[in-house]
N, C-alpha and C. Protein backbone atom coordinates (compact mmCIF):
# COMPACT_ATOMS: atom_id res chain seq x y z
N UNK A 1 78.19 -66.04 77.09
CA UNK A 1 76.97 -65.33 76.76
C UNK A 1 75.93 -66.34 76.29
N UNK A 2 74.73 -66.18 76.77
CA UNK A 2 73.64 -67.08 76.38
C UNK A 2 73.07 -66.64 75.04
N UNK A 3 72.21 -67.47 74.47
CA UNK A 3 71.65 -67.22 73.15
C UNK A 3 70.80 -65.95 73.12
N UNK A 4 69.95 -65.75 74.12
CA UNK A 4 69.07 -64.58 74.15
C UNK A 4 69.80 -63.26 74.03
N UNK A 5 70.81 -63.02 74.87
CA UNK A 5 71.55 -61.76 74.75
C UNK A 5 72.29 -61.64 73.41
N UNK A 6 72.82 -62.73 72.90
CA UNK A 6 73.52 -62.68 71.60
C UNK A 6 72.53 -62.30 70.50
N UNK A 7 71.35 -62.90 70.53
CA UNK A 7 70.32 -62.57 69.55
C UNK A 7 69.91 -61.10 69.68
N UNK A 8 69.76 -60.62 70.91
CA UNK A 8 69.38 -59.22 71.14
C UNK A 8 70.43 -58.27 70.57
N UNK A 9 71.71 -58.56 70.78
CA UNK A 9 72.77 -57.73 70.22
C UNK A 9 72.68 -57.73 68.70
N UNK A 10 72.46 -58.90 68.11
CA UNK A 10 72.33 -58.99 66.65
C UNK A 10 71.16 -58.16 66.14
N UNK A 11 70.01 -58.22 66.81
CA UNK A 11 68.84 -57.45 66.40
C UNK A 11 69.15 -55.96 66.46
N UNK A 12 69.73 -55.51 67.56
CA UNK A 12 70.07 -54.09 67.71
C UNK A 12 71.01 -53.65 66.60
N UNK A 13 72.00 -54.47 66.28
CA UNK A 13 72.96 -54.09 65.24
C UNK A 13 72.34 -54.08 63.85
N UNK A 14 71.40 -54.96 63.57
CA UNK A 14 70.69 -54.89 62.29
C UNK A 14 69.88 -53.60 62.23
N UNK A 15 69.24 -53.22 63.32
CA UNK A 15 68.49 -51.97 63.35
C UNK A 15 69.40 -50.76 63.20
N UNK A 16 70.57 -50.80 63.81
CA UNK A 16 71.55 -49.71 63.64
C UNK A 16 71.96 -49.60 62.17
N UNK A 17 72.22 -50.74 61.53
CA UNK A 17 72.55 -50.76 60.10
C UNK A 17 71.44 -50.08 59.29
N UNK A 18 70.19 -50.43 59.57
CA UNK A 18 69.06 -49.85 58.84
C UNK A 18 68.96 -48.35 59.10
N UNK A 19 69.11 -47.95 60.36
CA UNK A 19 69.05 -46.52 60.69
C UNK A 19 70.15 -45.73 59.98
N UNK A 20 71.35 -46.26 59.98
CA UNK A 20 72.46 -45.58 59.30
C UNK A 20 72.15 -45.46 57.80
N UNK A 21 71.67 -46.55 57.21
CA UNK A 21 71.35 -46.52 55.78
C UNK A 21 70.26 -45.53 55.45
N UNK A 22 69.21 -45.50 56.24
CA UNK A 22 68.11 -44.57 55.98
C UNK A 22 68.57 -43.13 56.17
N UNK A 23 69.39 -42.91 57.17
CA UNK A 23 69.90 -41.56 57.43
C UNK A 23 70.84 -41.12 56.31
N UNK A 24 71.69 -42.03 55.84
CA UNK A 24 72.65 -41.72 54.78
C UNK A 24 71.93 -41.32 53.50
N UNK A 25 70.79 -41.93 53.23
CA UNK A 25 70.04 -41.64 52.01
C UNK A 25 68.94 -40.61 52.23
N UNK A 26 69.00 -39.90 53.36
CA UNK A 26 68.03 -38.85 53.69
C UNK A 26 66.59 -39.35 53.66
N UNK A 27 66.39 -40.61 53.99
CA UNK A 27 65.04 -41.14 54.10
C UNK A 27 64.46 -40.70 55.44
N UNK A 28 63.16 -40.44 55.49
CA UNK A 28 62.57 -40.05 56.77
C UNK A 28 62.71 -41.18 57.79
N UNK A 29 62.96 -40.79 59.03
CA UNK A 29 63.13 -41.78 60.09
C UNK A 29 61.78 -42.08 60.76
N UNK A 30 60.88 -42.65 59.99
CA UNK A 30 59.57 -43.03 60.52
C UNK A 30 59.61 -44.50 60.92
N UNK A 31 58.70 -44.86 61.80
CA UNK A 31 58.61 -46.25 62.23
C UNK A 31 58.24 -47.16 61.05
N UNK A 32 57.33 -46.69 60.20
CA UNK A 32 56.94 -47.48 59.03
C UNK A 32 58.12 -47.67 58.07
N UNK A 33 58.88 -46.62 57.84
CA UNK A 33 60.04 -46.72 56.96
C UNK A 33 61.11 -47.64 57.53
N UNK A 34 61.32 -47.52 58.83
CA UNK A 34 62.29 -48.39 59.50
C UNK A 34 61.85 -49.85 59.39
N UNK A 35 60.58 -50.12 59.64
CA UNK A 35 60.07 -51.49 59.57
C UNK A 35 60.16 -52.04 58.15
N UNK A 36 59.83 -51.22 57.16
CA UNK A 36 59.87 -51.67 55.76
C UNK A 36 61.29 -52.05 55.36
N UNK A 37 62.26 -51.28 55.80
CA UNK A 37 63.65 -51.56 55.44
C UNK A 37 64.22 -52.70 56.26
N UNK A 38 63.84 -52.78 57.53
CA UNK A 38 64.46 -53.75 58.44
C UNK A 38 63.89 -55.16 58.33
N UNK A 39 62.61 -55.30 57.98
CA UNK A 39 61.97 -56.61 58.10
C UNK A 39 62.68 -57.72 57.33
N UNK A 40 63.18 -57.49 56.11
CA UNK A 40 63.83 -58.63 55.43
C UNK A 40 65.06 -59.14 56.19
N UNK A 41 65.83 -58.21 56.75
CA UNK A 41 67.03 -58.61 57.47
C UNK A 41 66.68 -59.22 58.83
N UNK A 42 65.68 -58.66 59.50
CA UNK A 42 65.25 -59.24 60.78
C UNK A 42 64.64 -60.62 60.57
N UNK A 43 63.91 -60.81 59.48
CA UNK A 43 63.36 -62.14 59.17
C UNK A 43 64.50 -63.12 58.89
N UNK A 44 65.50 -62.67 58.15
CA UNK A 44 66.67 -63.52 57.89
C UNK A 44 67.40 -63.87 59.17
N UNK A 45 67.53 -62.90 60.05
CA UNK A 45 68.18 -63.12 61.34
C UNK A 45 67.38 -64.12 62.17
N UNK A 46 66.07 -63.94 62.22
CA UNK A 46 65.21 -64.85 63.00
C UNK A 46 65.27 -66.27 62.44
N UNK A 47 65.21 -66.40 61.13
CA UNK A 47 65.29 -67.72 60.52
C UNK A 47 66.63 -68.38 60.82
N UNK A 48 67.68 -67.61 60.72
CA UNK A 48 69.02 -68.14 60.98
C UNK A 48 69.15 -68.63 62.41
N UNK A 49 68.73 -67.81 63.38
CA UNK A 49 68.84 -68.20 64.78
C UNK A 49 67.94 -69.40 65.08
N UNK A 50 66.78 -69.48 64.43
CA UNK A 50 65.91 -70.64 64.62
C UNK A 50 66.59 -71.91 64.14
N UNK A 51 67.19 -71.85 62.96
CA UNK A 51 67.88 -73.03 62.42
C UNK A 51 69.09 -73.40 63.28
N UNK A 52 69.81 -72.41 63.76
CA UNK A 52 70.95 -72.68 64.64
C UNK A 52 70.46 -73.38 65.91
N UNK A 53 69.39 -72.86 66.50
CA UNK A 53 68.87 -73.45 67.74
C UNK A 53 68.38 -74.88 67.50
N UNK A 54 67.72 -75.13 66.39
CA UNK A 54 67.26 -76.49 66.09
C UNK A 54 68.44 -77.43 65.87
N UNK A 55 69.46 -76.94 65.24
CA UNK A 55 70.64 -77.78 64.99
C UNK A 55 71.37 -78.08 66.30
N UNK A 56 71.37 -77.11 67.22
CA UNK A 56 72.05 -77.30 68.51
C UNK A 56 71.29 -78.24 69.42
N UNK A 57 69.98 -78.35 69.21
CA UNK A 57 69.15 -79.14 70.12
C UNK A 57 69.66 -80.57 70.13
N UNK A 58 69.94 -81.06 71.30
CA UNK A 58 70.51 -82.40 71.43
C UNK A 58 69.48 -83.49 71.23
N UNK A 59 69.93 -84.74 71.04
CA UNK A 59 69.03 -85.86 70.78
C UNK A 59 68.06 -86.12 71.93
N UNK A 60 68.40 -85.78 73.15
CA UNK A 60 67.52 -86.03 74.28
C UNK A 60 66.57 -84.90 74.58
N UNK A 61 66.70 -83.78 73.86
CA UNK A 61 65.84 -82.64 74.12
C UNK A 61 64.41 -82.92 73.67
N UNK A 62 63.47 -82.30 74.33
CA UNK A 62 62.06 -82.50 73.99
C UNK A 62 61.65 -81.51 72.91
N UNK A 63 61.81 -81.89 71.68
CA UNK A 63 61.38 -81.07 70.56
C UNK A 63 59.89 -81.23 70.32
N UNK A 64 59.32 -80.45 69.40
CA UNK A 64 57.88 -80.51 69.15
C UNK A 64 57.37 -81.90 68.78
N UNK A 65 58.10 -82.64 67.95
CA UNK A 65 57.64 -83.98 67.54
C UNK A 65 57.62 -84.93 68.74
N UNK A 66 58.61 -84.82 69.60
CA UNK A 66 58.66 -85.68 70.78
C UNK A 66 57.51 -85.35 71.73
N UNK A 67 57.24 -84.07 71.91
CA UNK A 67 56.15 -83.69 72.80
C UNK A 67 54.82 -84.16 72.24
N UNK A 68 54.64 -84.07 70.94
CA UNK A 68 53.39 -84.52 70.33
C UNK A 68 53.22 -86.03 70.50
N UNK A 69 54.28 -86.80 70.28
CA UNK A 69 54.19 -88.25 70.42
C UNK A 69 53.94 -88.65 71.86
N UNK A 70 54.52 -87.93 72.82
CA UNK A 70 54.35 -88.31 74.22
C UNK A 70 52.98 -87.92 74.74
N UNK A 71 52.27 -87.03 74.06
CA UNK A 71 50.95 -86.62 74.53
C UNK A 71 49.83 -87.42 73.88
N UNK A 72 50.15 -88.45 73.12
CA UNK A 72 49.13 -89.26 72.45
C UNK A 72 48.64 -90.42 73.30
N UNK A 73 48.90 -90.39 74.58
CA UNK A 73 48.43 -91.44 75.45
C UNK A 73 49.37 -92.62 75.56
N UNK A 74 50.49 -92.53 74.96
CA UNK A 74 51.47 -93.61 75.06
C UNK A 74 52.18 -93.51 76.41
N UNK A 75 52.71 -94.61 76.88
CA UNK A 75 53.45 -94.55 78.14
C UNK A 75 54.59 -93.54 78.06
N UNK A 76 54.79 -92.87 79.15
CA UNK A 76 55.86 -91.88 79.20
C UNK A 76 57.18 -92.59 79.43
N UNK A 77 57.91 -92.79 78.38
CA UNK A 77 59.22 -93.42 78.46
C UNK A 77 60.16 -92.69 77.51
N UNK A 78 61.43 -92.83 77.73
CA UNK A 78 62.36 -92.12 76.85
C UNK A 78 62.17 -92.56 75.40
N UNK A 79 62.17 -91.58 74.52
CA UNK A 79 62.07 -91.86 73.10
C UNK A 79 63.46 -92.06 72.53
N UNK A 80 63.59 -92.85 71.49
CA UNK A 80 64.92 -93.04 70.90
C UNK A 80 65.43 -91.72 70.34
N UNK A 81 66.73 -91.60 70.34
CA UNK A 81 67.34 -90.39 69.81
C UNK A 81 66.99 -90.24 68.34
N UNK A 82 66.76 -89.00 67.95
CA UNK A 82 66.47 -88.73 66.54
C UNK A 82 67.70 -88.98 65.70
N UNK A 83 67.52 -89.63 64.56
CA UNK A 83 68.67 -89.82 63.69
C UNK A 83 69.05 -88.50 63.03
N UNK A 84 70.23 -88.43 62.55
CA UNK A 84 70.67 -87.25 61.81
C UNK A 84 71.80 -86.55 62.51
N UNK A 85 72.55 -85.82 61.74
CA UNK A 85 73.73 -85.15 62.30
C UNK A 85 73.34 -83.97 63.18
N UNK A 86 74.09 -83.78 64.18
CA UNK A 86 73.97 -82.60 65.04
C UNK A 86 75.34 -81.95 65.10
N UNK A 87 75.33 -80.65 65.06
CA UNK A 87 76.62 -79.98 65.19
C UNK A 87 76.88 -79.75 66.66
N UNK A 88 78.14 -79.67 67.04
CA UNK A 88 78.41 -79.36 68.44
C UNK A 88 77.90 -77.96 68.75
N UNK A 89 77.41 -77.79 69.94
CA UNK A 89 76.90 -76.48 70.34
C UNK A 89 78.06 -75.50 70.45
N UNK A 90 77.95 -74.46 69.70
CA UNK A 90 78.97 -73.41 69.74
C UNK A 90 78.47 -72.28 70.62
N UNK A 91 79.39 -71.56 71.18
CA UNK A 91 79.06 -70.39 71.98
C UNK A 91 78.35 -69.38 71.08
N UNK A 92 77.22 -68.79 71.54
CA UNK A 92 76.49 -67.83 70.70
C UNK A 92 77.35 -66.64 70.27
N UNK A 93 78.38 -66.33 71.04
CA UNK A 93 79.27 -65.22 70.68
C UNK A 93 80.52 -65.70 69.95
N UNK A 94 80.55 -66.96 69.52
CA UNK A 94 81.73 -67.46 68.81
C UNK A 94 81.80 -66.85 67.41
N UNK A 95 83.01 -66.83 66.88
CA UNK A 95 83.19 -66.31 65.53
C UNK A 95 82.47 -67.17 64.50
N UNK A 96 82.47 -68.48 64.69
CA UNK A 96 81.78 -69.38 63.75
C UNK A 96 80.28 -69.08 63.72
N UNK A 97 79.69 -68.87 64.89
CA UNK A 97 78.28 -68.50 64.94
C UNK A 97 78.07 -67.16 64.27
N UNK A 98 78.95 -66.22 64.52
CA UNK A 98 78.85 -64.89 63.92
C UNK A 98 78.90 -64.91 62.41
N UNK A 99 79.81 -65.69 61.86
CA UNK A 99 79.91 -65.79 60.40
C UNK A 99 78.65 -66.42 59.82
N UNK A 100 78.14 -67.45 60.48
CA UNK A 100 76.91 -68.10 60.02
C UNK A 100 75.74 -67.11 60.05
N UNK A 101 75.60 -66.40 61.16
CA UNK A 101 74.51 -65.43 61.31
C UNK A 101 74.65 -64.34 60.25
N UNK A 102 75.84 -63.84 60.06
CA UNK A 102 76.09 -62.76 59.10
C UNK A 102 75.71 -63.18 57.68
N UNK A 103 76.30 -64.27 57.22
CA UNK A 103 76.09 -64.67 55.82
C UNK A 103 74.63 -65.04 55.55
N UNK A 104 74.01 -65.76 56.46
CA UNK A 104 72.62 -66.16 56.25
C UNK A 104 71.67 -64.97 56.35
N UNK A 105 71.94 -64.05 57.26
CA UNK A 105 71.09 -62.86 57.39
C UNK A 105 71.14 -62.03 56.12
N UNK A 106 72.32 -61.84 55.58
CA UNK A 106 72.45 -61.07 54.33
C UNK A 106 71.75 -61.81 53.18
N UNK A 107 72.00 -63.10 53.05
CA UNK A 107 71.42 -63.86 51.94
C UNK A 107 69.89 -63.86 51.99
N UNK A 108 69.34 -64.22 53.14
CA UNK A 108 67.88 -64.25 53.26
C UNK A 108 67.31 -62.85 53.15
N UNK A 109 67.96 -61.88 53.76
CA UNK A 109 67.50 -60.49 53.68
C UNK A 109 67.43 -59.99 52.25
N UNK A 110 68.44 -60.29 51.46
CA UNK A 110 68.44 -59.85 50.06
C UNK A 110 67.38 -60.58 49.24
N UNK A 111 67.20 -61.87 49.49
CA UNK A 111 66.14 -62.61 48.79
C UNK A 111 64.77 -62.03 49.11
N UNK A 112 64.53 -61.71 50.38
CA UNK A 112 63.24 -61.14 50.77
C UNK A 112 63.07 -59.73 50.24
N UNK A 113 64.15 -58.96 50.19
CA UNK A 113 64.07 -57.62 49.59
C UNK A 113 63.69 -57.73 48.12
N UNK A 114 64.33 -58.63 47.40
CA UNK A 114 64.03 -58.81 45.98
C UNK A 114 62.57 -59.26 45.79
N UNK A 115 62.13 -60.21 46.62
CA UNK A 115 60.77 -60.73 46.51
C UNK A 115 59.72 -59.67 46.82
N UNK A 116 60.07 -58.70 47.66
CA UNK A 116 59.11 -57.66 48.04
C UNK A 116 59.28 -56.38 47.23
N UNK A 117 60.10 -56.43 46.19
CA UNK A 117 60.26 -55.27 45.31
C UNK A 117 61.17 -54.18 45.84
N UNK A 118 61.96 -54.49 46.85
CA UNK A 118 62.92 -53.51 47.36
C UNK A 118 64.24 -53.68 46.61
N UNK A 119 65.06 -52.67 46.67
CA UNK A 119 66.29 -52.65 45.89
C UNK A 119 67.33 -53.66 46.34
N UNK A 120 68.00 -54.23 45.34
CA UNK A 120 69.13 -55.13 45.59
C UNK A 120 70.25 -54.82 44.61
N UNK A 121 70.51 -53.54 44.42
CA UNK A 121 71.60 -53.13 43.54
C UNK A 121 72.90 -53.73 44.05
N UNK A 122 73.81 -54.09 43.14
CA UNK A 122 75.08 -54.69 43.57
C UNK A 122 75.83 -53.85 44.61
N UNK A 123 75.78 -52.53 44.48
CA UNK A 123 76.46 -51.69 45.46
C UNK A 123 75.82 -51.82 46.84
N UNK A 124 74.48 -51.92 46.88
CA UNK A 124 73.79 -52.10 48.16
C UNK A 124 74.12 -53.46 48.77
N UNK A 125 74.13 -54.49 47.94
CA UNK A 125 74.47 -55.84 48.43
C UNK A 125 75.87 -55.82 49.02
N UNK A 126 76.81 -55.16 48.34
CA UNK A 126 78.20 -55.10 48.84
C UNK A 126 78.28 -54.35 50.16
N UNK A 127 77.63 -53.19 50.23
CA UNK A 127 77.67 -52.39 51.46
C UNK A 127 76.99 -53.14 52.61
N UNK A 128 75.83 -53.72 52.34
CA UNK A 128 75.12 -54.47 53.39
C UNK A 128 75.96 -55.64 53.88
N UNK A 129 76.60 -56.34 52.95
CA UNK A 129 77.43 -57.48 53.33
C UNK A 129 78.59 -57.03 54.20
N UNK A 130 79.26 -55.96 53.81
CA UNK A 130 80.41 -55.49 54.58
C UNK A 130 80.00 -54.93 55.94
N UNK A 131 78.98 -54.10 55.96
CA UNK A 131 78.58 -53.46 57.23
C UNK A 131 78.00 -54.51 58.19
N UNK A 132 77.11 -55.36 57.71
CA UNK A 132 76.56 -56.39 58.60
C UNK A 132 77.64 -57.36 59.04
N UNK A 133 78.61 -57.63 58.19
CA UNK A 133 79.75 -58.47 58.59
C UNK A 133 80.53 -57.82 59.72
N UNK A 134 80.82 -56.53 59.55
CA UNK A 134 81.55 -55.81 60.60
C UNK A 134 80.76 -55.81 61.90
N UNK A 135 79.45 -55.63 61.81
CA UNK A 135 78.62 -55.57 63.01
C UNK A 135 78.44 -56.96 63.65
N UNK A 136 77.96 -57.93 62.86
CA UNK A 136 77.56 -59.23 63.43
C UNK A 136 78.75 -60.11 63.79
N UNK A 137 79.87 -59.93 63.11
CA UNK A 137 81.08 -60.67 63.48
C UNK A 137 81.93 -59.80 64.41
N UNK A 138 81.94 -58.50 64.15
CA UNK A 138 82.79 -57.58 64.92
C UNK A 138 82.53 -57.59 66.42
N UNK A 139 81.25 -57.58 66.81
CA UNK A 139 80.98 -57.57 68.25
C UNK A 139 81.45 -58.87 68.90
N UNK A 140 81.45 -59.95 68.13
CA UNK A 140 81.91 -61.23 68.67
C UNK A 140 83.43 -61.23 68.84
N UNK A 141 84.13 -60.55 67.95
CA UNK A 141 85.59 -60.41 68.09
C UNK A 141 85.90 -59.65 69.38
N UNK A 142 85.17 -58.57 69.61
CA UNK A 142 85.36 -57.77 70.83
C UNK A 142 85.02 -58.61 72.07
N UNK A 143 83.90 -59.33 72.03
CA UNK A 143 83.50 -60.18 73.17
C UNK A 143 84.53 -61.26 73.43
N UNK A 144 85.07 -61.83 72.37
CA UNK A 144 86.10 -62.87 72.52
C UNK A 144 87.33 -62.31 73.22
N UNK A 145 87.72 -61.10 72.85
CA UNK A 145 88.88 -60.48 73.48
C UNK A 145 88.61 -60.22 74.96
N UNK A 146 87.40 -59.74 75.28
CA UNK A 146 87.06 -59.51 76.69
C UNK A 146 87.07 -60.82 77.47
N UNK A 147 86.57 -61.91 76.87
CA UNK A 147 86.59 -63.21 77.55
C UNK A 147 88.03 -63.65 77.80
N UNK A 148 88.89 -63.45 76.82
CA UNK A 148 90.30 -63.83 76.99
C UNK A 148 90.95 -63.00 78.09
N UNK A 149 90.69 -61.69 78.06
CA UNK A 149 91.27 -60.82 79.08
C UNK A 149 90.77 -61.20 80.46
N UNK A 150 89.48 -61.51 80.58
CA UNK A 150 88.92 -61.88 81.88
C UNK A 150 89.50 -63.19 82.37
N UNK A 151 89.66 -64.16 81.47
CA UNK A 151 90.19 -65.45 81.91
C UNK A 151 91.67 -65.35 82.25
N UNK A 152 92.41 -64.52 81.54
CA UNK A 152 93.84 -64.39 81.86
C UNK A 152 94.05 -63.61 83.15
N UNK A 153 93.20 -62.63 83.43
CA UNK A 153 93.35 -61.88 84.67
C UNK A 153 92.90 -62.71 85.87
N UNK A 154 91.90 -63.58 85.70
CA UNK A 154 91.46 -64.42 86.82
C UNK A 154 92.46 -65.54 87.09
N UNK A 155 93.14 -66.03 86.05
CA UNK A 155 94.14 -67.08 86.28
C UNK A 155 95.43 -66.50 86.83
N UNK A 156 95.67 -65.21 86.60
CA UNK A 156 96.87 -64.58 87.13
C UNK A 156 96.72 -64.24 88.61
N UNK A 157 95.48 -64.13 89.07
CA UNK A 157 95.24 -63.74 90.47
C UNK A 157 95.43 -64.86 91.44
């Protein structure tokens, strides 16, 4: 699975979490209410995926700094690799990616909720952590099983 579809699944599941929560608390299902509740978690999700993508970007990739330097009239030649650690690119549907996305989305989401005056009661933090964990890691567990089943059936044929 590519990054785009994995991100889309994560966004849908964060929205499902918000819809379930609003429905459970008998909050009106308005677009404004949905946006107010969802934005901290969606912002956390977006930040997390951005950081993951930047970390995955290889030394030879044309990042913004490289593009800026190459457009300053200097000869077009390969730039030296950027120093610094890079993590190996993990599959977007991997469990490691899922755990990273889950924990960072909850952490950033709760910080943004607190900063914007929304509730962060310990019970809400616990429920959000558990439900988003089940959603953001859970779909990856299911996808992993399907990949295993597909690879074992193709190798058996």
